[in-house]
N, C-alpha and C. Protein backbone atom coordinates (compact mmCIF):
# COMPACT_ATOMS: atom_id res chain seq x y z
N MET A 1 13.48 -15.50 -17.81
CA MET A 1 12.85 -15.42 -18.67
C MET A 1 12.71 -13.30 -19.06
N THR A 2 12.49 -12.99 -20.37
CA THR A 2 13.15 -11.32 -20.46
C THR A 2 11.71 -10.91 -21.66
N THR A 3 11.82 -9.58 -21.44
CA THR A 3 10.49 -9.05 -22.62
C THR A 3 11.16 -7.99 -23.01
N ARG A 4 10.73 -7.45 -24.02
CA ARG A 4 11.09 -5.66 -24.47
C ARG A 4 10.28 -5.04 -24.47
N LEU A 5 10.20 -3.79 -24.25
CA LEU A 5 9.56 -2.77 -24.19
C LEU A 5 9.34 -1.88 -25.76
N SER A 6 8.29 -2.21 -26.11
CA SER A 6 8.17 -1.64 -27.53
C SER A 6 8.44 0.13 -27.75
N THR A 7 8.04 0.42 -29.11
CA THR A 7 8.34 2.15 -29.43
C THR A 7 7.06 2.64 -28.62
N LYS A 8 6.65 2.25 -28.45
CA LYS A 8 4.86 3.05 -28.07
C LYS A 8 5.22 2.75 -25.96
N GLY A 9 6.43 2.21 -25.58
CA GLY A 9 6.49 2.00 -24.12
C GLY A 9 5.89 0.94 -23.87
N GLN A 10 5.10 -0.01 -24.27
CA GLN A 10 4.37 -1.18 -24.49
C GLN A 10 5.19 -2.34 -23.53
N LEU A 11 4.66 -2.87 -22.65
CA LEU A 11 5.35 -4.34 -22.22
C LEU A 11 4.69 -5.41 -22.45
N ILE A 12 5.18 -6.14 -23.27
CA ILE A 12 4.26 -7.62 -22.83
C ILE A 12 4.69 -8.34 -21.77
N ILE A 13 3.37 -8.89 -21.09
CA ILE A 13 4.02 -9.86 -20.24
C ILE A 13 3.55 -11.07 -20.70
N PRO A 14 4.59 -12.19 -20.42
CA PRO A 14 4.72 -13.35 -20.87
C PRO A 14 3.64 -13.98 -20.57
N LYS A 15 2.96 -14.87 -21.69
CA LYS A 15 1.71 -15.65 -21.19
C LYS A 15 1.96 -16.16 -20.18
N GLU A 16 2.87 -17.12 -19.85
CA GLU A 16 3.01 -18.39 -18.62
C GLU A 16 2.70 -17.39 -17.51
N ILE A 17 3.29 -16.09 -17.26
CA ILE A 17 3.17 -15.25 -16.22
C ILE A 17 1.42 -14.69 -16.09
N ARG A 18 0.95 -14.51 -16.97
CA ARG A 18 -0.18 -13.69 -17.14
C ARG A 18 -1.24 -15.00 -16.68
N GLU A 19 -0.83 -16.02 -17.25
CA GLU A 19 -2.03 -17.39 -16.93
C GLU A 19 -1.51 -17.83 -15.19
N ARG A 20 -0.68 -17.96 -15.00
CA ARG A 20 -0.06 -18.03 -13.31
C ARG A 20 -0.74 -17.27 -12.73
N HIS A 21 -0.86 -15.96 -12.81
CA HIS A 21 -1.97 -14.90 -12.00
C HIS A 21 -3.04 -14.73 -12.22
N GLY A 22 -3.66 -15.24 -13.31
CA GLY A 22 -5.35 -15.17 -13.99
C GLY A 22 -5.29 -13.81 -14.49
N TRP A 23 -4.38 -13.10 -15.21
CA TRP A 23 -4.31 -12.05 -15.45
C TRP A 23 -4.72 -12.13 -16.85
N GLY A 24 -6.21 -11.30 -17.47
CA GLY A 24 -6.32 -11.18 -19.02
C GLY A 24 -6.57 -9.68 -19.39
N ALA A 25 -6.85 -9.88 -20.92
CA ALA A 25 -7.21 -8.39 -21.14
C ALA A 25 -8.06 -7.27 -20.43
N GLY A 26 -7.07 -6.27 -20.62
CA GLY A 26 -8.11 -5.37 -19.62
C GLY A 26 -8.25 -5.20 -18.07
N ILE A 27 -7.18 -5.91 -17.63
CA ILE A 27 -6.87 -6.20 -15.99
C ILE A 27 -6.34 -4.98 -16.13
N GLU A 28 -6.65 -4.64 -14.83
CA GLU A 28 -5.73 -3.19 -14.40
C GLU A 28 -4.68 -3.74 -13.07
N LEU A 29 -3.35 -2.93 -13.26
CA LEU A 29 -2.50 -3.16 -12.83
C LEU A 29 -1.83 -1.92 -11.88
N GLU A 30 -1.39 -2.39 -10.71
CA GLU A 30 -0.78 -1.40 -10.10
C GLU A 30 0.50 -1.22 -10.47
N ILE A 31 1.44 -0.59 -10.55
CA ILE A 31 2.60 -0.63 -10.78
C ILE A 31 3.59 0.58 -9.49
N GLU A 32 4.67 -0.10 -8.79
CA GLU A 32 5.24 -0.02 -7.75
C GLU A 32 6.51 0.23 -8.28
N ASP A 33 7.24 1.62 -7.96
CA ASP A 33 8.49 1.96 -8.65
C ASP A 33 9.51 1.95 -7.07
N ARG A 34 10.79 0.67 -7.24
CA ARG A 34 11.32 0.14 -6.37
C ARG A 34 12.99 0.91 -6.57
N GLY A 35 12.83 1.53 -7.34
CA GLY A 35 14.37 2.15 -7.77
C GLY A 35 14.82 1.10 -8.70
N ASP A 36 15.50 0.58 -8.33
CA ASP A 36 16.13 -0.41 -9.93
C ASP A 36 15.19 -1.67 -10.33
N ALA A 37 14.11 -1.46 -9.97
CA ALA A 37 12.80 -2.53 -10.19
C ALA A 37 11.59 -2.10 -9.98
N LEU A 38 10.36 -2.69 -10.97
CA LEU A 38 8.95 -2.31 -10.63
C LEU A 38 8.55 -3.66 -10.30
N LEU A 39 7.36 -3.01 -9.53
CA LEU A 39 6.40 -4.22 -8.76
C LEU A 39 5.01 -3.99 -9.58
N LEU A 40 4.66 -5.12 -9.76
CA LEU A 40 3.24 -5.09 -10.47
C LEU A 40 2.55 -6.05 -9.72
N ARG A 41 1.37 -5.62 -9.59
CA ARG A 41 0.51 -6.08 -8.69
C ARG A 41 -1.07 -5.91 -9.30
N ARG A 42 -2.23 -6.79 -9.10
CA ARG A 42 -3.45 -6.32 -9.62
C ARG A 42 -3.85 -5.50 -8.55
N VAL A 43 -5.26 -4.25 -9.05
CA VAL A 43 -5.48 -3.58 -8.48
C VAL A 43 -6.91 -4.39 -7.77
N THR A 44 -6.87 -4.19 -6.47
CA THR A 44 -8.39 -4.83 -6.18
C THR A 44 -8.85 -3.99 -5.43
N ASP A 45 -10.49 -3.95 -5.63
CA ASP A 45 -11.33 -2.58 -4.96
C ASP A 45 -11.06 -3.08 -3.42
N VAL A 46 -10.92 -2.26 -3.07
CA VAL A 46 -10.99 -1.98 -1.07
C VAL A 46 -11.89 -1.41 -0.36
N PRO A 47 -12.60 -1.87 0.11
CA PRO A 47 -13.79 -0.84 1.08
C PRO A 47 -13.46 -0.03 1.24
N GLU A 48 -14.03 1.16 1.51
CA GLU A 48 -13.93 2.21 2.16
C GLU A 48 -13.90 2.17 3.74
N THR A 49 -12.70 2.51 4.37
CA THR A 49 -13.07 2.34 5.73
C THR A 49 -13.46 3.64 6.64
N THR A 50 -14.14 3.33 7.54
CA THR A 50 -14.45 4.58 8.40
C THR A 50 -13.51 5.17 9.51
N LEU A 51 -13.74 6.23 10.02
CA LEU A 51 -12.89 6.57 11.13
C LEU A 51 -13.30 5.65 12.50
N GLU A 52 -14.35 5.44 12.52
CA GLU A 52 -14.75 4.73 13.25
C GLU A 52 -14.28 3.22 13.30
N GLU A 53 -14.24 2.84 12.18
CA GLU A 53 -13.36 1.25 12.03
C GLU A 53 -12.09 1.69 12.01
N LEU A 54 -11.47 2.63 12.09
CA LEU A 54 -9.99 2.69 12.10
C LEU A 54 -9.70 3.12 13.87
N LEU A 55 -10.46 3.56 14.36
CA LEU A 55 -10.55 3.95 16.05
C LEU A 55 -10.88 2.73 16.56
N GLY A 56 -11.60 1.98 16.26
CA GLY A 56 -12.19 0.65 16.86
C GLY A 56 -11.34 -0.41 16.91
N CYS A 57 -10.00 0.01 16.01
CA CYS A 57 -9.09 -1.33 16.18
C CYS A 57 -7.63 -0.95 17.12
N THR A 58 -7.62 0.23 17.98
CA THR A 58 -6.82 0.52 18.40
C THR A 58 -6.90 0.16 19.68
N GLY A 59 -8.07 -0.13 20.04
CA GLY A 59 -8.21 -0.88 21.46
C GLY A 59 -8.10 -0.07 22.79
N TYR A 60 -7.81 1.60 22.50
CA TYR A 60 -7.63 2.43 23.60
C TYR A 60 -9.34 2.48 23.79
N GLN A 61 -9.04 2.50 25.43
CA GLN A 61 -10.76 2.56 25.92
C GLN A 61 -10.87 3.75 26.86
N GLY A 62 -9.68 4.87 26.66
CA GLY A 62 -9.38 5.84 28.03
C GLY A 62 -10.07 7.01 27.38
N PRO A 63 -10.37 8.21 28.15
CA PRO A 63 -10.81 9.43 27.47
C PRO A 63 -9.88 9.73 26.13
N ALA A 64 -10.57 10.59 25.65
CA ALA A 64 -10.32 11.76 24.63
C ALA A 64 -8.99 12.55 24.95
N HIS A 65 -8.00 12.44 23.99
CA HIS A 65 -6.65 13.44 24.56
C HIS A 65 -6.87 14.59 23.52
N SER A 66 -6.16 15.78 23.64
CA SER A 66 -6.10 16.73 22.73
C SER A 66 -5.24 16.44 22.02
N LEU A 67 -4.72 17.02 20.81
CA LEU A 67 -3.62 17.30 20.23
C LEU A 67 -2.50 17.69 20.98
N GLU A 68 -2.25 18.74 21.71
CA GLU A 68 -1.38 18.73 22.75
C GLU A 68 -1.18 18.06 23.24
N GLU A 69 -1.71 17.36 24.03
CA GLU A 69 -1.59 16.26 25.03
C GLU A 69 -1.11 15.19 24.30
N MET A 70 -1.04 14.97 23.32
CA MET A 70 -0.50 13.57 22.36
C MET A 70 0.90 14.02 22.04
N GLU A 71 0.87 15.24 21.76
CA GLU A 71 2.15 15.60 21.17
C GLU A 71 3.38 15.43 22.14
N ALA A 72 2.62 15.92 23.52
CA ALA A 72 3.27 16.02 24.61
C ALA A 72 3.76 14.50 25.47
N GLY A 73 2.73 13.69 25.13
CA GLY A 73 3.07 12.57 25.45
C GLY A 73 4.28 11.60 24.57
N VAL A 74 4.23 11.98 23.19
CA VAL A 74 5.29 11.48 22.19
C VAL A 74 6.48 12.33 22.58
N ALA A 75 6.45 13.26 22.91
CA ALA A 75 8.21 13.77 23.39
C ALA A 75 8.38 13.49 24.59
N LYS A 76 7.73 13.05 25.53
CA LYS A 76 7.89 12.49 27.09
C LYS A 76 8.67 11.04 26.50
N GLY A 77 7.98 10.38 25.67
CA GLY A 77 8.47 9.07 25.24
C GLY A 77 9.91 9.14 24.67
N ALA A 78 9.83 9.84 23.61
CA ALA A 78 10.91 10.02 22.92
C ALA A 78 12.18 10.72 24.26
N ARG A 79 12.01 11.52 24.90
CA ARG A 79 12.88 11.91 26.20
C ARG A 79 13.58 10.54 27.03
N ARG A 80 12.51 9.79 26.90
CA ARG A 80 12.84 8.27 28.02
C ARG A 80 13.85 7.38 27.25
N LYS A 81 13.92 7.20 25.82
CA LYS A 81 14.55 6.20 25.02
C LYS A 81 15.41 6.94 24.75
N ARG A 82 16.07 8.29 25.16
CA ARG A 82 17.68 8.85 25.01
C ARG A 82 18.39 8.39 25.78
């Protein structure tokens, strides 16, 4: 299936594809540039995530560490892998 870019830079998505995805007039699409290809996907509202929710998914139950302690731990792990 092919389509053509208009002189105004508009792209017609064939009806068959629009119907398959349930895309109607006014739908907002996100475009991801993949070098030699483009990926289109429907923009969906993602609820805002709080810092507490993110920290809760780590599973870490120990004491808090400073940035310097975390960087030292990363460096130690990198040295072990060499």
